[in-house]
Protein backbone atom coordinates (compact mmCIF):
# COMPACT_ATOMS: atom_id res chain seq x y z
CA UNK A 1 0.00 0.00 0.00
CA UNK A 2 1.35 3.43 -0.98
CA UNK A 3 1.30 6.21 1.61
CA UNK A 4 1.42 9.96 1.12
CA UNK A 5 4.40 11.50 2.88
CA UNK A 6 5.40 15.10 3.30
CA UNK A 7 8.66 16.33 1.83
CA UNK A 8 11.15 17.13 4.56
CA UNK A 9 13.75 18.89 2.44
CA UNK A 10 11.62 21.89 1.44
CA UNK A 11 13.11 24.05 4.17
CA UNK A 12 16.13 24.09 6.43
CA UNK A 13 13.84 24.40 9.39
CA UNK A 14 11.14 21.72 9.40
CA UNK A 15 9.19 23.43 12.19
CA UNK A 16 8.88 26.70 10.21
CA UNK A 17 7.92 24.74 7.12
CA UNK A 18 5.15 22.97 9.04
CA UNK A 19 3.90 26.31 10.36
CA UNK A 20 3.87 27.74 6.84
CA UNK A 21 1.93 24.77 5.51
CA UNK A 22 -0.49 24.95 8.44
CA UNK A 23 -1.15 28.62 7.61
CA UNK A 24 -1.76 27.71 3.98
CA UNK A 25 -4.20 24.93 4.82
CA UNK A 26 -5.92 27.09 7.42
CA UNK A 27 -6.49 29.79 4.80
CA UNK A 28 -7.89 27.22 2.39
CA UNK A 29 -10.17 25.67 5.04
CA UNK A 30 -12.79 28.38 4.49
CA UNK A 31 -15.13 27.39 1.63
CA UNK A 32 -15.22 30.91 0.17
CA UNK A 33 -11.45 31.27 0.21
CA UNK A 34 -11.10 27.84 -1.34
CA UNK A 35 -13.53 28.83 -4.11
CA UNK A 36 -11.67 32.09 -4.75
CA UNK A 37 -8.34 30.24 -4.82
CA UNK A 38 -9.79 27.63 -7.22
CA UNK A 39 -11.00 30.40 -9.53
CA UNK A 40 -7.56 31.96 -9.54
CA UNK A 41 -5.84 28.61 -9.99
CA UNK A 42 -7.95 27.74 -13.00
CA UNK A 43 -7.16 31.01 -14.78
CA UNK A 44 -3.49 31.18 -13.82
CA UNK A 45 -1.70 30.05 -16.96
CA UNK A 46 2.04 30.26 -17.34
CA UNK A 47 3.56 32.63 -19.88
CA UNK A 48 4.62 29.81 -22.21
CA UNK A 49 1.07 28.41 -22.32
CA UNK A 50 -0.60 31.75 -22.98
CA UNK A 51 1.96 33.08 -25.46
CA UNK A 52 2.51 36.27 -23.45
CA UNK A 53 4.86 37.44 -20.75
CA UNK A 54 2.09 38.07 -18.20
CA UNK A 55 0.20 35.55 -16.16
CA UNK A 56 -3.54 35.56 -16.57
CA UNK A 57 -5.23 36.84 -13.46
CA UNK A 58 -8.55 38.20 -12.23
CA UNK A 59 -9.53 41.53 -10.80
CA UNK A 60 -10.70 41.81 -7.22
CA UNK A 61 -14.14 42.94 -8.38
CA UNK A 62 -14.80 39.83 -10.49
CA UNK A 63 -13.64 37.25 -7.93
CA UNK A 64 -16.72 37.59 -5.73
CA UNK A 65 -19.12 37.07 -8.63
CA UNK A 66 -21.75 34.42 -7.83
CA UNK A 67 -20.50 33.90 -4.26
CA UNK A 68 -23.39 35.83 -2.66
CA UNK A 69 -21.13 37.59 -0.17
CA UNK A 70 -20.39 41.28 0.34
CA UNK A 71 -17.48 42.89 -1.48
CA UNK A 72 -15.90 43.69 1.89
CA UNK A 73 -16.03 39.98 2.77
CA UNK A 74 -14.37 39.09 -0.54
CA UNK A 75 -11.65 41.62 0.31
CA UNK A 76 -11.18 39.99 3.73
CA UNK A 77 -10.82 36.55 2.13
CA UNK A 78 -8.31 37.90 -0.38
CA UNK A 79 -6.34 39.46 2.48
CA UNK A 80 -6.19 36.07 4.23
CA UNK A 81 -5.09 34.30 1.04
CA UNK A 82 -2.39 36.91 0.52
CA UNK A 83 -1.27 36.68 4.17
CA UNK A 84 -0.82 32.92 3.75
CA UNK A 85 1.27 33.52 0.62
CA UNK A 86 -1.25 31.84 -1.68
CA UNK A 87 -1.90 34.83 -3.93
CA UNK A 88 -0.27 38.03 -5.12
CA UNK A 89 -2.14 41.26 -5.66
CA UNK A 90 -0.88 43.82 -8.16
CA UNK A 91 -2.26 47.30 -8.69
CA UNK A 92 -2.85 48.06 -12.38
CA UNK A 93 -4.31 51.55 -12.67
CA UNK A 94 -7.69 51.53 -10.94
CA UNK A 95 -7.77 47.73 -10.92
CA UNK A 96 -6.21 45.34 -8.42
CA UNK A 97 -5.31 42.07 -10.11
CA UNK A 98 -4.87 38.79 -8.25
CA UNK A 99 -2.89 35.75 -9.24
CA UNK A 100 -1.77 32.53 -7.59
CA UNK A 101 1.70 32.60 -6.05
CA UNK A 102 3.44 29.89 -8.07
CA UNK A 103 6.12 29.26 -5.42
CA UNK A 104 3.50 28.48 -2.79
CA UNK A 105 1.58 26.32 -5.26
CA UNK A 106 4.76 24.35 -5.92
CA UNK A 107 5.27 23.90 -2.16
CA UNK A 108 1.77 22.42 -1.91
CA UNK A 109 2.43 20.13 -4.89
CA UNK A 110 5.66 18.88 -3.31
CA UNK A 111 3.92 18.23 -0.01
CA UNK A 112 1.35 15.97 -1.66
CA UNK A 113 3.73 14.09 -3.94
CA UNK A 114 3.56 10.36 -3.26
CA UNK A 115 6.63 8.71 -1.81
CA UNK A 116 7.70 5.14 -1.66
CA UNK A 117 6.71 4.60 1.97
CA UNK A 118 5.16 1.18 2.36
CA UNK A 119 3.05 -0.13 5.18
CA UNK A 120 5.18 -2.29 7.52
C-alpha atoms as a PDB file:
ATOM      1  CA  UNK A   1       0.000   0.000   0.000  1.00  0.00           C
ATOM      2  CA  UNK A   2       1.345   3.425  -0.985  1.00  0.00           C
ATOM      3  CA  UNK A   3       1.296   6.214   1.607  1.00  0.00           C
ATOM      4  CA  UNK A   4       1.415   9.964   1.120  1.00  0.00           C
ATOM      5  CA  UNK A   5       4.403  11.500   2.881  1.00  0.00           C
ATOM      6  CA  UNK A   6       5.403  15.100   3.301  1.00  0.00           C
ATOM      7  CA  UNK A   7       8.663  16.331   1.826  1.00  0.00           C
ATOM      8  CA  UNK A   8      11.145  17.131   4.565  1.00  0.00           C
ATOM      9  CA  UNK A   9      13.754  18.891   2.441  1.00  0.00           C
ATOM     10  CA  UNK A  10      11.615  21.886   1.440  1.00  0.00           C
ATOM     11  CA  UNK A  11      13.109  24.054   4.170  1.00  0.00           C
ATOM     12  CA  UNK A  12      16.131  24.086   6.434  1.00  0.00           C
ATOM     13  CA  UNK A  13      13.839  24.404   9.392  1.00  0.00           C
ATOM     14  CA  UNK A  14      11.138  21.723   9.401  1.00  0.00           C
ATOM     15  CA  UNK A  15       9.190  23.435  12.188  1.00  0.00           C
ATOM     16  CA  UNK A  16       8.884  26.704  10.214  1.00  0.00           C
ATOM     17  CA  UNK A  17       7.919  24.741   7.123  1.00  0.00           C
ATOM     18  CA  UNK A  18       5.151  22.970   9.042  1.00  0.00           C
ATOM     19  CA  UNK A  19       3.899  26.309  10.361  1.00  0.00           C
ATOM     20  CA  UNK A  20       3.868  27.739   6.838  1.00  0.00           C
ATOM     21  CA  UNK A  21       1.929  24.765   5.511  1.00  0.00           C
ATOM     22  CA  UNK A  22      -0.494  24.951   8.441  1.00  0.00           C
ATOM     23  CA  UNK A  23      -1.154  28.623   7.614  1.00  0.00           C
ATOM     24  CA  UNK A  24      -1.760  27.712   3.978  1.00  0.00           C
ATOM     25  CA  UNK A  25      -4.201  24.933   4.820  1.00  0.00           C
ATOM     26  CA  UNK A  26      -5.923  27.086   7.423  1.00  0.00           C
ATOM     27  CA  UNK A  27      -6.492  29.794   4.803  1.00  0.00           C
ATOM     28  CA  UNK A  28      -7.894  27.216   2.391  1.00  0.00           C
ATOM     29  CA  UNK A  29     -10.168  25.673   5.039  1.00  0.00           C
ATOM     30  CA  UNK A  30     -12.794  28.384   4.487  1.00  0.00           C
ATOM     31  CA  UNK A  31     -15.135  27.392   1.627  1.00  0.00           C
ATOM     32  CA  UNK A  32     -15.223  30.915   0.167  1.00  0.00           C
ATOM     33  CA  UNK A  33     -11.446  31.267   0.211  1.00  0.00           C
ATOM     34  CA  UNK A  34     -11.101  27.843  -1.341  1.00  0.00           C
ATOM     35  CA  UNK A  35     -13.533  28.832  -4.109  1.00  0.00           C
ATOM     36  CA  UNK A  36     -11.669  32.090  -4.752  1.00  0.00           C
ATOM     37  CA  UNK A  37      -8.340  30.235  -4.824  1.00  0.00           C
ATOM     38  CA  UNK A  38      -9.786  27.632  -7.220  1.00  0.00           C
ATOM     39  CA  UNK A  39     -10.997  30.403  -9.526  1.00  0.00           C
ATOM     40  CA  UNK A  40      -7.562  31.964  -9.543  1.00  0.00           C
ATOM     41  CA  UNK A  41      -5.840  28.608  -9.994  1.00  0.00           C
ATOM     42  CA  UNK A  42      -7.954  27.743 -12.999  1.00  0.00           C
ATOM     43  CA  UNK A  43      -7.156  31.009 -14.778  1.00  0.00           C
ATOM     44  CA  UNK A  44      -3.489  31.177 -13.816  1.00  0.00           C
ATOM     45  CA  UNK A  45      -1.704  30.055 -16.961  1.00  0.00           C
ATOM     46  CA  UNK A  46       2.041  30.261 -17.335  1.00  0.00           C
ATOM     47  CA  UNK A  47       3.563  32.629 -19.879  1.00  0.00           C
ATOM     48  CA  UNK A  48       4.618  29.813 -22.212  1.00  0.00           C
ATOM     49  CA  UNK A  49       1.070  28.413 -22.325  1.00  0.00           C
ATOM     50  CA  UNK A  50      -0.600  31.746 -22.978  1.00  0.00           C
ATOM     51  CA  UNK A  51       1.957  33.080 -25.459  1.00  0.00           C
ATOM     52  CA  UNK A  52       2.514  36.274 -23.451  1.00  0.00           C
ATOM     53  CA  UNK A  53       4.859  37.443 -20.754  1.00  0.00           C
ATOM     54  CA  UNK A  54       2.088  38.066 -18.204  1.00  0.00           C
ATOM     55  CA  UNK A  55       0.197  35.554 -16.155  1.00  0.00           C
ATOM     56  CA  UNK A  56      -3.543  35.565 -16.574  1.00  0.00           C
ATOM     57  CA  UNK A  57      -5.231  36.842 -13.460  1.00  0.00           C
ATOM     58  CA  UNK A  58      -8.555  38.196 -12.227  1.00  0.00           C
ATOM     59  CA  UNK A  59      -9.526  41.529 -10.803  1.00  0.00           C
ATOM     60  CA  UNK A  60     -10.697  41.812  -7.220  1.00  0.00           C
ATOM     61  CA  UNK A  61     -14.145  42.941  -8.377  1.00  0.00           C
ATOM     62  CA  UNK A  62     -14.805  39.834 -10.486  1.00  0.00           C
ATOM     63  CA  UNK A  63     -13.642  37.249  -7.933  1.00  0.00           C
ATOM     64  CA  UNK A  64     -16.723  37.594  -5.733  1.00  0.00           C
ATOM     65  CA  UNK A  65     -19.118  37.067  -8.626  1.00  0.00           C
ATOM     66  CA  UNK A  66     -21.745  34.421  -7.826  1.00  0.00           C
ATOM     67  CA  UNK A  67     -20.505  33.901  -4.264  1.00  0.00           C
ATOM     68  CA  UNK A  68     -23.386  35.832  -2.656  1.00  0.00           C
ATOM     69  CA  UNK A  69     -21.132  37.585  -0.168  1.00  0.00           C
ATOM     70  CA  UNK A  70     -20.392  41.276   0.343  1.00  0.00           C
ATOM     71  CA  UNK A  71     -17.483  42.895  -1.480  1.00  0.00           C
ATOM     72  CA  UNK A  72     -15.901  43.686   1.894  1.00  0.00           C
ATOM     73  CA  UNK A  73     -16.035  39.976   2.769  1.00  0.00           C
ATOM     74  CA  UNK A  74     -14.374  39.087  -0.536  1.00  0.00           C
ATOM     75  CA  UNK A  75     -11.650  41.624   0.308  1.00  0.00           C
ATOM     76  CA  UNK A  76     -11.182  39.989   3.726  1.00  0.00           C
ATOM     77  CA  UNK A  77     -10.815  36.545   2.133  1.00  0.00           C
ATOM     78  CA  UNK A  78      -8.308  37.904  -0.381  1.00  0.00           C
ATOM     79  CA  UNK A  79      -6.336  39.456   2.481  1.00  0.00           C
ATOM     80  CA  UNK A  80      -6.190  36.069   4.228  1.00  0.00           C
ATOM     81  CA  UNK A  81      -5.094  34.296   1.037  1.00  0.00           C
ATOM     82  CA  UNK A  82      -2.393  36.912   0.521  1.00  0.00           C
ATOM     83  CA  UNK A  83      -1.269  36.678   4.166  1.00  0.00           C
ATOM     84  CA  UNK A  84      -0.821  32.924   3.750  1.00  0.00           C
ATOM     85  CA  UNK A  85       1.272  33.522   0.621  1.00  0.00           C
ATOM     86  CA  UNK A  86      -1.249  31.837  -1.682  1.00  0.00           C
ATOM     87  CA  UNK A  87      -1.902  34.829  -3.925  1.00  0.00           C
ATOM     88  CA  UNK A  88      -0.270  38.027  -5.122  1.00  0.00           C
ATOM     89  CA  UNK A  89      -2.138  41.259  -5.656  1.00  0.00           C
ATOM     90  CA  UNK A  90      -0.878  43.822  -8.162  1.00  0.00           C
ATOM     91  CA  UNK A  91      -2.260  47.303  -8.687  1.00  0.00           C
ATOM     92  CA  UNK A  92      -2.853  48.058 -12.383  1.00  0.00           C
ATOM     93  CA  UNK A  93      -4.307  51.548 -12.666  1.00  0.00           C
ATOM     94  CA  UNK A  94      -7.687  51.526 -10.942  1.00  0.00           C
ATOM     95  CA  UNK A  95      -7.768  47.731 -10.916  1.00  0.00           C
ATOM     96  CA  UNK A  96      -6.213  45.340  -8.424  1.00  0.00           C
ATOM     97  CA  UNK A  97      -5.312  42.068 -10.113  1.00  0.00           C
ATOM     98  CA  UNK A  98      -4.872  38.789  -8.252  1.00  0.00           C
ATOM     99  CA  UNK A  99      -2.887  35.746  -9.241  1.00  0.00           C
ATOM    100  CA  UNK A 100      -1.767  32.534  -7.592  1.00  0.00           C
ATOM    101  CA  UNK A 101       1.698  32.602  -6.051  1.00  0.00           C
ATOM    102  CA  UNK A 102       3.443  29.891  -8.067  1.00  0.00           C
ATOM    103  CA  UNK A 103       6.118  29.263  -5.415  1.00  0.00           C
ATOM    104  CA  UNK A 104       3.497  28.482  -2.794  1.00  0.00           C
ATOM    105  CA  UNK A 105       1.576  26.322  -5.256  1.00  0.00           C
ATOM    106  CA  UNK A 106       4.758  24.352  -5.918  1.00  0.00           C
ATOM    107  CA  UNK A 107       5.268  23.901  -2.157  1.00  0.00           C
ATOM    108  CA  UNK A 108       1.769  22.421  -1.910  1.00  0.00           C
ATOM    109  CA  UNK A 109       2.430  20.127  -4.886  1.00  0.00           C
ATOM    110  CA  UNK A 110       5.664  18.881  -3.309  1.00  0.00           C
ATOM    111  CA  UNK A 111       3.920  18.233  -0.014  1.00  0.00           C
ATOM    112  CA  UNK A 112       1.352  15.969  -1.662  1.00  0.00           C
ATOM    113  CA  UNK A 113       3.731  14.088  -3.941  1.00  0.00           C
ATOM    114  CA  UNK A 114       3.563  10.358  -3.263  1.00  0.00           C
ATOM    115  CA  UNK A 115       6.633   8.714  -1.810  1.00  0.00           C
ATOM    116  CA  UNK A 116       7.695   5.139  -1.656  1.00  0.00           C
ATOM    117  CA  UNK A 117       6.710   4.601   1.970  1.00  0.00           C
ATOM    118  CA  UNK A 118       5.165   1.178   2.361  1.00  0.00           C
ATOM    119  CA  UNK A 119       3.046  -0.129   5.180  1.00  0.00           C
ATOM    120  CA  UNK A 120       5.175  -2.291   7.522  1.00  0.00           C
END
